[in-house]
Protein backbone atom coordinates (compact mmCIF):
# COMPACT_ATOMS: atom_id res chain seq x y z
CA UNK A 1 -0.01 0.16 -0.19
CA UNK A 2 2.77 2.58 0.68
CA UNK A 3 4.40 1.75 -2.71
CA UNK A 4 0.72 2.79 -4.27
CA UNK A 5 0.63 5.98 -2.34
CA UNK A 6 4.16 6.83 -3.10
CA UNK A 7 4.06 5.91 -7.17
CA UNK A 8 0.48 8.31 -7.03
CA UNK A 9 2.78 11.14 -5.06
CA UNK A 10 5.40 10.57 -7.48
CA UNK A 11 2.89 10.76 -10.53
CA UNK A 12 1.20 13.70 -8.78
CA UNK A 13 4.49 15.44 -8.92
CA UNK A 14 5.46 14.90 -12.31
CA UNK A 15 2.03 15.92 -13.85
CA UNK A 16 2.30 19.60 -11.71
CA UNK A 17 5.80 19.71 -13.07
CA UNK A 18 5.16 19.22 -16.53
CA UNK A 19 1.70 20.54 -16.82
CA UNK A 20 1.27 24.03 -14.85
CA UNK A 21 4.47 25.81 -16.68
CA UNK A 22 3.47 25.52 -20.45
CA UNK A 23 0.14 27.78 -18.80
CA UNK A 24 2.99 30.56 -18.16
CA UNK A 25 3.59 31.80 -21.64
CA UNK A 26 -0.11 31.85 -22.71
CA UNK A 27 -1.07 33.45 -19.34
CA UNK A 28 1.84 36.54 -20.38
CA UNK A 29 0.45 36.80 -23.77
CA UNK A 30 -3.12 37.20 -23.12
CA UNK A 31 -4.41 40.73 -23.13
CA UNK A 32 -5.95 40.33 -19.92
CA UNK A 33 -2.61 40.46 -18.15
CA UNK A 34 -1.57 43.82 -18.86
CA UNK A 35 -3.40 47.39 -18.27
CA UNK A 36 -3.84 49.77 -20.59
CA UNK A 37 -0.45 51.29 -19.32
CA UNK A 38 1.55 48.24 -19.40
CA UNK A 39 1.29 47.26 -15.73
CA UNK A 40 0.95 44.08 -15.01
CA UNK A 41 -3.04 43.14 -13.65
CA UNK A 42 -4.43 40.68 -11.02
CA UNK A 43 -5.11 38.27 -13.88
CA UNK A 44 -1.66 37.82 -14.32
CA UNK A 45 -0.75 37.58 -10.63
CA UNK A 46 -3.29 35.47 -9.76
CA UNK A 47 -2.08 32.83 -12.48
CA UNK A 48 1.53 32.96 -11.74
CA UNK A 49 0.67 32.67 -8.41
CA UNK A 50 -1.51 29.32 -8.87
CA UNK A 51 1.58 28.09 -10.80
CA UNK A 52 3.87 28.80 -8.45
CA UNK A 53 1.76 27.24 -6.08
CA UNK A 54 1.33 24.08 -8.05
CA UNK A 55 4.91 23.98 -8.59
CA UNK A 56 5.37 23.90 -4.54
CA UNK A 57 3.16 21.18 -4.30
CA UNK A 58 5.08 19.12 -6.83
CA UNK A 59 8.31 19.61 -5.05
CA UNK A 60 6.61 18.87 -1.77
CA UNK A 61 5.15 15.66 -3.42
CA UNK A 62 8.02 14.51 -5.10
CA UNK A 63 9.92 14.41 -1.51
CA UNK A 64 7.50 12.64 0.16
CA UNK A 65 6.54 10.19 -2.52
CA UNK A 66 10.75 9.48 -2.22
CA UNK A 67 10.83 9.59 1.76
CA UNK A 68 7.55 7.19 1.45
CA UNK A 69 9.68 4.74 -0.67
CA UNK A 70 12.94 4.64 1.83
């Protein structure tokens, strides 16, 4: 059972590490990401925060998955 949990944690970590960073270029190039004066909008900041949180959770899941295997 613990091996299954570790594999599940590692699979989730890999998924998050592969999928979420690919959203950044789309968010950065979205017209809603910049205001008329060129400054970044809340749309941009919220989505970058979501990407960062997903990557932190991916790293934590990877660490826990490896620790469970040891």
